[in-house]
Structures are given as C-alpha cells and as structure tokens.
C-alpha cells in the first residue's frame, strides 16, 4: 500500500507528476537548515500546519512511490516530460535528495504569502525555491545546479 503525504491540503500531483498546488517547495543543504527555516516561517506568522521541513530521503521515497498511476497518468507524464515542465523539477528534486539535501514546503495560496516567504528566505536562503500556481511555476530562487 502506498503511503500518502498527509501534509498537503489538496492533491500533490497533476497528471501523475508531483505538483503541490499553492505550495512553495524550497531545497536546503541539510535537514537542520530546512528545520531552521521552518521555525523562521512560524515566527513570521505562518501556521504550524502550513509549513513543514522534510528529509531528502523521505521526499525521494514519496517521489518514487507513484505506483498507483494508471496508463493515462503515465501517458500524461510522458507529455509533461516532452514539454519539460513539472518533470524537470521532479528530476531536480530527486537529485537534490540524492545529494543529501532536505526540503521545506510552505502553503502560499496568496501573493502576500509569497511575499512573506521571500522575506524569510532572505534570512534563511535556500538552494532553490519555487511556487506552484494553477497555470505556472514561479521561480523564487533558481537552483544553481539545474541543467
């Protein structure tokens, strides 16, 4: 049986690919840095259930555990791969996890939430950060290792 993420308020996938709508995904070099950023977000007024640090090992396991996908999901996944959107970020995230990195997830449905995140990131800089919107992915901090 596949373990589901219980943190996300909505489904964390789109067309069978990781796509946490209304969330910011940030990468940190290690879990200690991601946890420090989580604390900083809470101090900035973000609710405890709206921000979560996670080890790269946990996130990689979740990204690889999409065993419930049907044929349409797999076809959509291939289309996404061709257009280089969400799949490229999933690949980057997997590599970040494999390199020992950690992640921070912040619920940011409003522009004010994103502005607060940018302020917190200025004091707790991530390796990368992106916000998943309904029709786009906003780069907040670009991953220097991205190809």
N, C-alpha and C. Protein backbone atom coordinates (compact mmCIF):
# COMPACT_ATOMS: atom_id res chain seq x y z
N UNK A 1 0.85 -1.19 0.00
CA UNK A 1 0.00 0.00 0.00
C UNK A 1 0.89 1.25 0.00
N UNK A 2 0.54 2.21 -0.80
CA UNK A 2 1.33 3.42 -0.93
C UNK A 2 1.05 4.38 0.21
N UNK A 3 2.12 4.90 0.81
CA UNK A 3 1.97 5.91 1.86
C UNK A 3 1.63 7.25 1.20
N UNK A 4 0.64 7.94 1.74
CA UNK A 4 0.25 9.25 1.21
C UNK A 4 0.82 10.35 2.08
N UNK A 5 1.11 11.47 1.49
CA UNK A 5 1.56 12.62 2.25
C UNK A 5 0.33 13.19 2.94
N UNK A 6 0.38 13.39 4.21
CA UNK A 6 -0.77 13.94 4.93
C UNK A 6 -0.65 15.43 5.17
N UNK A 7 0.40 16.03 4.67
CA UNK A 7 0.64 17.46 4.89
C UNK A 7 -0.14 18.34 3.92
N UNK A 8 -0.21 17.96 2.66
CA UNK A 8 -0.78 18.81 1.63
C UNK A 8 -2.29 18.93 1.76
N UNK A 9 -2.78 20.15 1.59
CA UNK A 9 -4.21 20.43 1.73
C UNK A 9 -5.01 19.89 0.55
N UNK A 10 -4.38 19.76 -0.61
CA UNK A 10 -5.01 19.22 -1.81
C UNK A 10 -4.08 18.15 -2.36
N UNK A 11 -4.45 17.55 -3.46
CA UNK A 11 -3.59 16.55 -4.09
C UNK A 11 -2.25 17.17 -4.43
N UNK A 12 -1.19 16.39 -4.23
CA UNK A 12 0.14 16.89 -4.54
C UNK A 12 0.62 16.49 -5.93
N UNK A 13 -0.30 15.96 -6.75
CA UNK A 13 0.10 15.57 -8.10
C UNK A 13 -0.82 16.20 -9.15
N UNK A 14 -0.28 16.29 -10.36
CA UNK A 14 -1.03 16.71 -11.53
C UNK A 14 -0.54 15.85 -12.67
N UNK A 15 -1.46 15.17 -13.34
CA UNK A 15 -1.11 14.27 -14.44
C UNK A 15 -0.06 13.25 -14.00
N UNK A 16 -0.15 12.78 -12.76
CA UNK A 16 0.76 11.76 -12.28
C UNK A 16 2.13 12.26 -11.89
N UNK A 17 2.34 13.57 -11.90
CA UNK A 17 3.64 14.16 -11.58
C UNK A 17 3.47 15.04 -10.34
N UNK A 18 4.50 15.07 -9.51
CA UNK A 18 4.49 15.89 -8.30
C UNK A 18 4.20 17.34 -8.66
N UNK A 19 3.11 17.88 -8.13
CA UNK A 19 2.72 19.27 -8.39
C UNK A 19 1.89 19.76 -7.21
N UNK A 20 2.55 20.24 -6.16
CA UNK A 20 1.83 20.68 -4.96
C UNK A 20 1.25 22.09 -5.12
N UNK A 21 0.07 22.17 -5.70
CA UNK A 21 -0.59 23.45 -5.99
C UNK A 21 -0.69 24.31 -4.75
N UNK A 22 -0.33 25.58 -4.89
CA UNK A 22 -0.36 26.61 -3.84
C UNK A 22 0.73 26.44 -2.79
N UNK A 23 1.74 25.63 -3.09
CA UNK A 23 2.85 25.46 -2.15
C UNK A 23 4.13 26.00 -2.75
N UNK A 24 5.01 26.42 -1.85
CA UNK A 24 6.38 26.73 -2.22
C UNK A 24 7.20 25.52 -1.79
N UNK A 25 8.04 25.04 -2.70
CA UNK A 25 8.97 23.97 -2.41
C UNK A 25 10.36 24.60 -2.41
N UNK A 26 11.06 24.46 -1.30
CA UNK A 26 12.41 25.01 -1.19
C UNK A 26 13.37 23.90 -0.82
N UNK A 27 14.55 23.95 -1.39
CA UNK A 27 15.59 22.97 -1.09
C UNK A 27 16.65 23.58 -0.20
N UNK A 28 17.10 22.81 0.77
CA UNK A 28 18.18 23.22 1.67
C UNK A 28 19.26 22.17 1.66
N UNK A 29 20.47 22.56 2.05
CA UNK A 29 21.59 21.63 2.03
C UNK A 29 21.42 20.47 3.00
N UNK A 30 20.68 20.70 4.09
CA UNK A 30 20.50 19.64 5.08
C UNK A 30 19.22 19.88 5.87
N UNK A 31 18.82 18.89 6.64
CA UNK A 31 17.57 18.98 7.39
C UNK A 31 17.64 20.04 8.49
N UNK A 32 18.81 20.25 9.07
CA UNK A 32 18.94 21.28 10.10
C UNK A 32 18.62 22.66 9.54
N UNK A 33 19.12 22.96 8.35
CA UNK A 33 18.84 24.26 7.73
C UNK A 33 17.36 24.38 7.35
N UNK A 34 16.77 23.30 6.83
CA UNK A 34 15.35 23.31 6.48
C UNK A 34 14.50 23.49 7.74
N UNK A 35 14.88 22.84 8.82
CA UNK A 35 14.15 22.97 10.09
C UNK A 35 14.27 24.38 10.66
N UNK A 36 15.44 24.99 10.52
CA UNK A 36 15.61 26.37 10.97
C UNK A 36 14.71 27.30 10.17
N UNK A 37 14.63 27.07 8.87
CA UNK A 37 13.73 27.88 8.03
C UNK A 37 12.28 27.65 8.43
N UNK A 38 11.92 26.42 8.74
CA UNK A 38 10.56 26.13 9.20
C UNK A 38 10.24 26.94 10.45
N UNK A 39 11.16 26.99 11.40
CA UNK A 39 10.98 27.79 12.61
C UNK A 39 10.84 29.27 12.29
N UNK A 40 11.65 29.75 11.34
CA UNK A 40 11.58 31.16 10.95
C UNK A 40 10.22 31.48 10.33
N UNK A 41 9.68 30.56 9.54
CA UNK A 41 8.35 30.78 8.96
C UNK A 41 7.30 30.85 10.06
N UNK A 42 7.39 29.99 11.04
CA UNK A 42 6.42 30.01 12.14
C UNK A 42 6.53 31.33 12.91
N UNK A 43 7.76 31.78 13.14
CA UNK A 43 7.96 33.05 13.82
C UNK A 43 7.42 34.22 13.01
N UNK A 44 7.37 34.07 11.69
CA UNK A 44 6.85 35.14 10.82
C UNK A 44 5.32 35.16 10.77
N UNK A 45 4.70 34.18 11.44
CA UNK A 45 3.25 34.15 11.49
C UNK A 45 2.59 33.04 10.68
N UNK A 46 3.38 32.21 10.01
CA UNK A 46 2.82 31.10 9.26
C UNK A 46 2.37 30.02 10.24
N UNK A 47 1.17 29.52 10.06
CA UNK A 47 0.63 28.49 10.94
C UNK A 47 1.47 27.23 10.89
N UNK A 48 1.56 26.54 12.00
CA UNK A 48 2.38 25.33 12.09
C UNK A 48 1.98 24.27 11.07
N UNK A 49 0.70 24.18 10.74
CA UNK A 49 0.27 23.17 9.77
C UNK A 49 0.39 23.65 8.33
N UNK A 50 0.99 24.82 8.11
CA UNK A 50 1.21 25.36 6.77
C UNK A 50 2.67 25.35 6.34
N UNK A 51 3.54 24.81 7.16
CA UNK A 51 4.97 24.76 6.82
C UNK A 51 5.54 23.46 7.39
N UNK A 52 6.40 22.81 6.58
CA UNK A 52 6.96 21.53 7.03
C UNK A 52 8.31 21.28 6.39
N UNK A 53 9.29 20.94 7.20
CA UNK A 53 10.60 20.50 6.71
C UNK A 53 10.56 18.99 6.56
N UNK A 54 11.28 18.48 5.58
CA UNK A 54 11.33 17.04 5.36
C UNK A 54 12.71 16.65 4.86
N UNK A 55 13.15 15.48 5.26
CA UNK A 55 14.45 15.00 4.78
C UNK A 55 14.37 14.67 3.30
N UNK A 56 15.49 14.74 2.64
CA UNK A 56 15.54 14.37 1.23
C UNK A 56 15.19 12.91 1.03
N UNK A 57 15.57 12.08 1.98
CA UNK A 57 15.26 10.65 1.89
C UNK A 57 13.75 10.42 1.86
N UNK A 58 13.02 11.13 2.73
CA UNK A 58 11.57 11.00 2.76
C UNK A 58 10.96 11.48 1.45
N UNK A 59 11.40 12.64 0.99
CA UNK A 59 10.83 13.22 -0.24
C UNK A 59 11.14 12.33 -1.44
N UNK A 60 12.36 11.82 -1.54
CA UNK A 60 12.71 10.94 -2.65
C UNK A 60 11.83 9.70 -2.65
N UNK A 61 11.58 9.15 -1.49
CA UNK A 61 10.73 7.96 -1.40
C UNK A 61 9.32 8.28 -1.88
N UNK A 62 8.83 9.48 -1.55
CA UNK A 62 7.49 9.88 -1.99
C UNK A 62 7.45 10.10 -3.50
N UNK A 63 8.49 10.71 -4.04
CA UNK A 63 8.52 10.97 -5.48
C UNK A 63 8.58 9.67 -6.27
N UNK A 64 9.19 8.64 -5.70
CA UNK A 64 9.35 7.37 -6.40
C UNK A 64 8.19 6.42 -6.16
N UNK A 65 7.25 6.76 -5.30
CA UNK A 65 6.22 5.80 -4.88
C UNK A 65 4.90 5.97 -5.61
N UNK A 66 4.93 6.45 -6.80
CA UNK A 66 3.69 6.69 -7.53
C UNK A 66 3.22 5.42 -8.23
N UNK A 67 3.15 4.31 -7.53
CA UNK A 67 2.79 3.04 -8.12
C UNK A 67 1.32 2.92 -8.50
N UNK A 68 0.49 3.85 -8.06
CA UNK A 68 -0.94 3.77 -8.33
C UNK A 68 -1.34 4.43 -9.64
N UNK A 69 -0.39 4.87 -10.42
CA UNK A 69 -0.71 5.58 -11.66
C UNK A 69 -1.25 4.63 -12.71
N UNK A 70 -2.27 5.07 -13.42
CA UNK A 70 -2.82 4.26 -14.50
C UNK A 70 -2.16 4.65 -15.83
N UNK A 71 -2.58 4.02 -16.89
CA UNK A 71 -1.97 4.25 -18.20
C UNK A 71 -2.12 5.70 -18.65
N UNK A 72 -3.25 6.34 -18.39
CA UNK A 72 -3.44 7.74 -18.76
C UNK A 72 -2.45 8.62 -17.99
N UNK A 73 -2.26 8.36 -16.71
CA UNK A 73 -1.28 9.11 -15.92
C UNK A 73 0.11 8.97 -16.53
N UNK A 74 0.47 7.75 -16.92
CA UNK A 74 1.79 7.51 -17.49
C UNK A 74 1.95 8.23 -18.83
N UNK A 75 0.90 8.24 -19.65
CA UNK A 75 0.94 8.98 -20.91
C UNK A 75 1.10 10.48 -20.65
N UNK A 76 0.31 11.00 -19.72
CA UNK A 76 0.42 12.41 -19.36
C UNK A 76 1.82 12.73 -18.84
N UNK A 77 2.39 11.82 -18.07
CA UNK A 77 3.74 12.01 -17.54
C UNK A 77 4.74 12.15 -18.69
N UNK A 78 4.59 11.34 -19.73
CA UNK A 78 5.47 11.43 -20.89
C UNK A 78 5.29 12.76 -21.62
N UNK A 79 4.04 13.24 -21.73
CA UNK A 79 3.80 14.55 -22.36
C UNK A 79 4.46 15.66 -21.56
N UNK A 80 4.32 15.60 -20.25
CA UNK A 80 4.96 16.60 -19.38
C UNK A 80 6.47 16.56 -19.58
N UNK A 81 7.04 15.36 -19.69
CA UNK A 81 8.47 15.21 -19.89
C UNK A 81 8.91 15.88 -21.19
N UNK A 82 8.11 15.70 -22.24
CA UNK A 82 8.43 16.29 -23.54
C UNK A 82 8.46 17.82 -23.46
N UNK A 83 7.50 18.38 -22.75
CA UNK A 83 7.44 19.84 -22.65
C UNK A 83 8.35 20.40 -21.57
N UNK A 84 8.96 19.52 -20.76
CA UNK A 84 9.99 19.95 -19.82
C UNK A 84 9.49 20.78 -18.67
N UNK A 85 8.29 20.57 -18.20
CA UNK A 85 7.76 21.38 -17.11
C UNK A 85 7.97 20.68 -15.78
N UNK A 86 6.90 20.17 -15.18
CA UNK A 86 6.95 19.61 -13.85
C UNK A 86 7.97 18.48 -13.72
N UNK A 87 8.10 17.66 -14.74
CA UNK A 87 9.00 16.51 -14.67
C UNK A 87 10.44 16.96 -14.45
N UNK A 88 10.85 18.06 -15.06
CA UNK A 88 12.21 18.55 -14.87
C UNK A 88 12.44 18.92 -13.41
N UNK A 89 11.46 19.52 -12.78
CA UNK A 89 11.60 19.88 -11.37
C UNK A 89 11.63 18.63 -10.50
N UNK A 90 10.84 17.63 -10.84
CA UNK A 90 10.86 16.38 -10.08
C UNK A 90 12.24 15.75 -10.17
N UNK A 91 12.84 15.79 -11.35
CA UNK A 91 14.18 15.25 -11.53
C UNK A 91 15.18 16.04 -10.69
N UNK A 92 15.09 17.37 -10.70
CA UNK A 92 15.97 18.20 -9.87
C UNK A 92 15.80 17.87 -8.40
N UNK A 93 14.54 17.72 -7.97
CA UNK A 93 14.27 17.43 -6.56
C UNK A 93 14.86 16.08 -6.16
N UNK A 94 14.72 15.10 -7.03
CA UNK A 94 15.28 13.78 -6.76
C UNK A 94 16.79 13.87 -6.63
N UNK A 95 17.44 14.62 -7.52
CA UNK A 95 18.89 14.78 -7.45
C UNK A 95 19.29 15.50 -6.17
N UNK A 96 18.54 16.52 -5.79
CA UNK A 96 18.81 17.26 -4.55
C UNK A 96 18.74 16.30 -3.35
N UNK A 97 17.72 15.45 -3.34
CA UNK A 97 17.58 14.47 -2.26
C UNK A 97 18.74 13.49 -2.27
N UNK A 98 19.11 13.01 -3.46
CA UNK A 98 20.22 12.06 -3.58
C UNK A 98 21.54 12.66 -3.11
N UNK A 99 21.67 13.98 -3.23
CA UNK A 99 22.88 14.68 -2.79
C UNK A 99 22.86 14.98 -1.28
N UNK A 100 21.82 14.50 -0.59
CA UNK A 100 21.73 14.70 0.86
C UNK A 100 20.96 15.94 1.28
N UNK A 101 20.34 16.62 0.32
CA UNK A 101 19.58 17.83 0.63
C UNK A 101 18.27 17.54 1.32
N UNK A 102 17.67 18.58 1.86
CA UNK A 102 16.38 18.50 2.53
C UNK A 102 15.43 19.49 1.88
N UNK A 103 14.17 19.44 2.29
CA UNK A 103 13.13 20.26 1.66
C UNK A 103 12.29 20.98 2.71
N UNK A 104 11.71 22.08 2.25
CA UNK A 104 10.76 22.83 3.05
C UNK A 104 9.54 23.08 2.17
N UNK A 105 8.36 22.83 2.71
CA UNK A 105 7.11 23.06 2.00
C UNK A 105 6.33 24.11 2.76
N UNK A 106 5.89 25.15 2.04
CA UNK A 106 5.15 26.25 2.66
C UNK A 106 3.87 26.49 1.86
N UNK A 107 2.74 26.45 2.54
CA UNK A 107 1.47 26.74 1.89
C UNK A 107 1.41 28.23 1.60
N UNK A 108 1.25 28.61 0.34
CA UNK A 108 1.29 30.01 -0.07
C UNK A 108 0.25 30.28 -1.16
N UNK A 109 -1.04 30.24 -0.82
CA UNK A 109 -2.07 30.44 -1.84
C UNK A 109 -2.22 31.89 -2.29
N UNK A 110 -1.77 32.83 -1.48
CA UNK A 110 -1.94 34.26 -1.80
C UNK A 110 -0.59 34.90 -2.08
N UNK A 111 -0.62 35.99 -2.84
CA UNK A 111 0.61 36.73 -3.13
C UNK A 111 1.26 37.25 -1.86
N UNK A 112 0.47 37.57 -0.85
CA UNK A 112 1.03 38.04 0.43
C UNK A 112 1.84 36.93 1.09
N UNK A 113 1.39 35.69 0.93
CA UNK A 113 2.14 34.55 1.48
C UNK A 113 3.49 34.41 0.78
N UNK A 114 3.49 34.61 -0.52
CA UNK A 114 4.74 34.53 -1.28
C UNK A 114 5.68 35.67 -0.89
N UNK A 115 5.14 36.86 -0.67
CA UNK A 115 5.96 37.99 -0.26
C UNK A 115 6.60 37.72 1.11
N UNK A 116 5.82 37.14 2.02
CA UNK A 116 6.36 36.77 3.33
C UNK A 116 7.47 35.73 3.17
N UNK A 117 7.24 34.77 2.28
CA UNK A 117 8.24 33.72 2.06
C UNK A 117 9.55 34.33 1.55
N UNK A 118 9.46 35.26 0.64
CA UNK A 118 10.67 35.90 0.12
C UNK A 118 11.43 36.61 1.23
N UNK A 119 10.71 37.20 2.15
CA UNK A 119 11.33 37.86 3.30
C UNK A 119 12.04 36.85 4.19
N UNK A 120 11.38 35.74 4.47
CA UNK A 120 12.00 34.70 5.30
C UNK A 120 13.20 34.09 4.58
N UNK A 121 13.07 33.86 3.28
CA UNK A 121 14.18 33.29 2.51
C UNK A 121 15.40 34.22 2.48
N UNK A 122 15.18 35.52 2.57
CA UNK A 122 16.31 36.46 2.59
C UNK A 122 17.20 36.21 3.80
N UNK A 123 16.62 35.76 4.91
CA UNK A 123 17.37 35.48 6.13
C UNK A 123 17.75 34.01 6.28
N UNK A 124 17.06 33.15 5.54
CA UNK A 124 17.30 31.70 5.58
C UNK A 124 17.36 31.20 4.14
N UNK A 125 18.43 31.56 3.42
CA UNK A 125 18.45 31.29 1.98
C UNK A 125 18.46 29.81 1.61
N UNK A 126 17.54 29.42 0.74
CA UNK A 126 17.53 28.04 0.25
C UNK A 126 18.42 27.90 -0.98
N UNK A 127 18.69 26.66 -1.35
CA UNK A 127 19.40 26.38 -2.60
C UNK A 127 18.51 26.76 -3.77
N UNK A 128 17.21 26.45 -3.64
CA UNK A 128 16.22 26.82 -4.65
C UNK A 128 14.87 26.95 -3.97
N UNK A 129 13.97 27.65 -4.63
CA UNK A 129 12.59 27.75 -4.15
C UNK A 129 11.71 28.06 -5.34
N UNK A 130 10.57 27.36 -5.38
CA UNK A 130 9.60 27.61 -6.46
C UNK A 130 8.19 27.49 -5.89
N UNK A 131 7.31 28.30 -6.44
CA UNK A 131 5.90 28.31 -6.00
C UNK A 131 5.04 27.73 -7.12
N UNK A 132 4.22 26.77 -6.75
CA UNK A 132 3.35 26.09 -7.71
C UNK A 132 2.00 26.78 -7.76
N UNK A 133 1.74 27.41 -8.90
CA UNK A 133 0.48 28.12 -9.15
C UNK A 133 -0.39 27.28 -10.07
N UNK A 134 -1.61 27.69 -10.27
CA UNK A 134 -2.54 26.91 -11.08
C UNK A 134 -2.02 26.70 -12.51
N UNK A 135 -1.46 27.72 -13.15
CA UNK A 135 -1.03 27.57 -14.54
C UNK A 135 0.46 27.86 -14.76
N UNK A 136 1.21 27.95 -13.69
CA UNK A 136 2.64 28.25 -13.83
C UNK A 136 3.38 27.85 -12.57
N UNK A 137 4.69 27.78 -12.69
CA UNK A 137 5.57 27.57 -11.55
C UNK A 137 6.46 28.80 -11.47
N UNK A 138 6.35 29.53 -10.38
CA UNK A 138 7.12 30.75 -10.17
C UNK A 138 8.46 30.42 -9.53
N UNK A 139 9.54 30.81 -10.18
CA UNK A 139 10.87 30.63 -9.61
C UNK A 139 11.12 31.75 -8.60
N UNK A 140 11.35 31.38 -7.37
CA UNK A 140 11.67 32.36 -6.34
C UNK A 140 13.19 32.44 -6.17
N UNK A 141 13.82 31.28 -6.07
CA UNK A 141 15.29 31.16 -6.04
C UNK A 141 15.63 30.06 -7.01
N UNK A 142 16.45 30.35 -8.02
CA UNK A 142 16.80 29.38 -9.05
C UNK A 142 17.91 28.46 -8.56
N UNK A 143 17.74 27.19 -8.81
CA UNK A 143 18.72 26.18 -8.41
C UNK A 143 19.98 26.34 -9.26
N UNK A 144 21.13 26.62 -8.63
CA UNK A 144 22.34 26.79 -9.42
C UNK A 144 22.82 25.49 -10.08
N UNK A 145 22.34 24.35 -9.59
CA UNK A 145 22.74 23.06 -10.17
C UNK A 145 21.81 22.60 -11.27
N UNK A 146 20.74 23.36 -11.53
CA UNK A 146 19.77 22.96 -12.55
C UNK A 146 20.40 23.00 -13.92
N UNK A 147 20.03 22.02 -14.73
CA UNK A 147 20.60 21.96 -16.09
C UNK A 147 19.62 22.53 -17.09
